[in-house]
Protein backbone atom coordinates (compact mmCIF):
# COMPACT_ATOMS: atom_id res chain seq x y z
CA MET A 1 15.92 -15.73 -11.53
CA GLN A 2 16.72 -18.13 -8.72
CA THR A 3 16.89 -17.00 -5.10
CA ALA A 4 17.76 -18.84 -1.87
CA VAL A 5 16.56 -17.35 1.39
CA ASP A 6 17.65 -18.04 4.96
CA THR A 7 14.23 -18.49 6.58
CA LYS A 8 15.51 -17.86 10.11
CA HIS A 9 16.78 -14.38 9.25
CA ALA A 10 14.61 -13.69 6.18
CA LEU A 11 17.67 -12.77 4.12
CA ILE A 12 18.60 -13.67 0.56
CA VAL A 13 21.80 -15.71 0.84
CA THR A 14 22.39 -16.33 -2.87
CA HIS A 15 20.82 -15.74 -6.26
CA LYS A 16 21.38 -16.74 -9.86
CA VAL A 17 20.06 -15.54 -13.20
CA THR A 18 19.37 -18.42 -15.57
CA THR A 19 17.89 -18.96 -19.00
CA ASP A 20 16.36 -22.34 -18.09
CA ALA A 21 12.65 -22.51 -18.91
CA ASN A 22 11.92 -24.32 -15.64
CA ASP A 23 13.50 -25.07 -12.26
CA GLN A 24 14.10 -28.82 -12.63
CA ARG A 25 17.89 -28.55 -12.89
CA MET A 26 18.30 -25.85 -10.24
CA LEU A 27 17.78 -27.73 -6.96
CA LEU A 28 21.38 -28.93 -6.61
CA PRO A 29 23.21 -25.78 -7.75
CA MET A 30 21.05 -23.49 -5.61
CA ALA A 31 21.26 -25.81 -2.58
CA GLU A 32 25.05 -26.00 -2.90
CA ALA A 33 25.33 -22.22 -3.26
CA ALA A 34 23.07 -21.67 -0.26
CA LYS A 35 25.06 -24.14 1.85
CA GLN A 36 28.30 -22.35 0.99
CA ALA A 37 26.73 -18.93 1.62
CA VAL A 38 25.69 -19.88 5.17
CA GLY A 39 29.12 -21.20 6.12
CA SER A 40 28.99 -24.80 4.85
CA PRO A 41 27.26 -26.45 7.82
CA SER A 42 27.39 -30.25 8.04
CA SER A 43 23.68 -30.39 7.24
CA LEU A 44 21.19 -28.01 5.68
CA ASN A 45 17.43 -28.30 5.16
CA VAL A 46 16.23 -26.95 1.80
CA ILE A 47 12.57 -26.27 1.01
CA ALA A 48 11.50 -25.78 -2.61
CA ASP A 49 8.31 -25.97 -4.67
CA GLY A 50 7.41 -28.86 -6.97
CA GLY A 51 9.10 -27.23 -9.95
CA TYR A 52 12.46 -28.19 -8.42
CA SER A 53 11.52 -31.88 -8.12
CA ASN A 54 14.41 -33.92 -9.50
CA GLY A 55 15.23 -37.32 -8.03
CA GLU A 56 18.82 -37.38 -9.24
CA GLN A 57 19.60 -33.97 -7.81
CA SER A 58 17.80 -34.82 -4.55
CA GLU A 59 20.05 -37.85 -4.10
CA THR A 60 23.18 -35.78 -4.72
CA CYS A 61 21.95 -33.17 -2.23
CA GLU A 62 21.43 -35.83 0.44
CA ALA A 63 24.93 -37.22 -0.16
CA GLN A 64 26.29 -33.71 0.55
CA GLY A 65 24.32 -33.28 3.79
CA ILE A 66 21.58 -31.21 2.17
CA VAL A 67 18.09 -32.47 2.99
CA PRO A 68 15.63 -31.38 0.26
CA TYR A 69 11.94 -30.97 1.07
CA VAL A 70 10.38 -30.84 -2.38
CA PRO A 71 6.91 -32.10 -3.36
CA PRO A 72 6.63 -34.41 -6.38
CA LYS A 73 6.39 -32.87 -9.85
CA ARG A 74 3.05 -31.34 -10.68
CA THR A 75 3.69 -31.75 -14.40
CA VAL A 76 3.80 -35.53 -14.34
CA ASN A 77 1.24 -36.99 -16.71
CA ASN A 78 -1.09 -39.06 -14.53
CA HIS A 79 -3.13 -40.35 -17.46
CA GLY A 80 -2.47 -43.30 -19.72
CA GLY A 81 -0.95 -45.60 -17.09
CA GLY A 82 2.56 -44.23 -17.66
CA LYS A 83 2.39 -44.88 -21.41
CA LEU A 84 2.03 -41.21 -22.39
CA PHE A 85 4.90 -38.73 -22.59
CA ASP A 86 5.47 -36.57 -19.54
CA ARG A 87 5.39 -32.80 -20.13
CA THR A 88 9.06 -32.63 -19.16
CA GLU A 89 9.88 -34.51 -22.38
CA PHE A 90 8.87 -31.40 -24.35
CA VAL A 91 11.93 -29.13 -24.57
CA TYR A 92 11.54 -25.36 -24.57
CA ASP A 93 13.69 -23.15 -26.83
CA ASP A 94 13.69 -19.62 -25.42
CA LYS A 95 15.29 -18.09 -28.54
CA SER A 96 12.39 -19.10 -30.80
CA ASP A 97 9.73 -19.34 -28.04
CA THR A 98 8.81 -22.85 -29.16
CA PHE A 99 8.74 -26.37 -27.72
CA ARG A 100 10.17 -29.48 -29.35
CA CYS A 101 8.10 -32.63 -28.85
CA PRO A 102 9.64 -36.10 -28.25
CA ALA A 103 9.23 -36.80 -31.99
CA GLY A 104 11.36 -33.76 -32.79
CA GLN A 105 8.52 -31.59 -34.12
CA THR A 106 8.12 -27.92 -33.25
CA LEU A 107 5.19 -26.59 -31.22
CA TRP A 108 4.57 -22.91 -31.92
CA ARG A 109 3.18 -20.27 -29.55
CA LYS A 110 -0.53 -19.93 -30.32
CA GLN A 111 -2.14 -17.82 -27.61
CA PHE A 112 -1.84 -16.32 -24.13
CA SER A 113 -4.66 -16.75 -21.61
CA LYS A 114 -4.92 -13.90 -19.12
CA LYS A 115 -7.44 -15.87 -17.05
CA ASP A 116 -5.12 -18.74 -16.09
CA ARG A 117 -1.87 -16.96 -17.04
CA SER A 118 -0.77 -19.67 -19.46
CA VAL A 119 0.68 -19.73 -22.94
CA THR A 120 -0.62 -22.35 -25.38
CA TYR A 121 1.73 -23.98 -27.86
CA THR A 122 0.46 -26.04 -30.77
CA PRO A 123 2.00 -28.24 -33.47
CA ARG A 124 0.96 -28.46 -37.11
CA ARG A 125 -1.97 -30.90 -37.33
CA LYS A 126 -0.67 -32.65 -40.46
CA VAL A 127 2.53 -33.60 -38.66
CA CYS A 128 0.80 -34.94 -35.56
CA GLY A 129 -1.74 -36.93 -37.56
CA SER A 130 0.94 -39.07 -39.17
CA CYS A 131 3.35 -39.21 -36.22
CA ALA A 132 4.67 -42.66 -35.27
CA LEU A 133 4.64 -41.62 -31.58
CA LYS A 134 1.02 -40.41 -31.63
CA ALA A 135 -0.19 -43.25 -29.35
CA ARG A 136 2.13 -41.98 -26.57
CA CYS A 137 1.47 -38.28 -27.11
CA THR A 138 -0.12 -36.12 -24.41
CA LEU A 139 -1.60 -33.83 -27.04
CA ARG A 140 -5.24 -34.32 -28.03
CA PRO A 141 -5.74 -34.93 -31.77
CA ALA A 142 -8.89 -32.78 -31.86
CA ALA A 143 -7.24 -29.72 -30.35
CA PRO A 144 -3.49 -30.22 -30.10
CA ARG A 145 -1.88 -27.85 -27.65
CA PHE A 146 0.62 -27.63 -24.83
CA SER A 147 0.27 -25.00 -22.11
CA GLU A 148 2.86 -23.68 -19.68
CA PRO A 149 2.39 -21.00 -17.03
CA ALA A 150 3.47 -17.61 -18.29
C-alpha cells in the first residue's frame, strides 16, 4: 500500500495498492499522483524514506518540478568495493514467495525471525557451490541466506 500525505494539512491526498515487493519504482508514480491531487502546483517537495531511492525516477521528478528528498538506498552492498551484487539485483516473486538471484537460481523462504522481523531466504548449497557468479555473490558460502524485512 502506498500513501501520499499533505504534511501541512495532515491529509492523505492519494493512495495506491501495489504488488511490488519494495518501493523502488514508486517514487515517480506517487509523486505525480500527489502533485495532481494537490492541484498541480509548479513545484512540489516530496519526502520519502530510503526504500524509494531511485536515481532515474528522481531525475524525472525534478524535470516535472517535483523535488524529491530521499536518502540513499540502505540496501546497497557496501562490501567488496562494488564488485559484489547489490541486494536489489535479487528479484522477489510474490506468487511463490521466493527470490531469484542474478544467476537465475531460486532462493526459498527458510525462516522468519520475530526478533528483527525479517524473513530469511536461502538457495540450495550445491547450486551456489558451482555457480560461475559466486565471486560476485553477496551470499556467504558457509551459511547462504538473504533476509528482507517482513
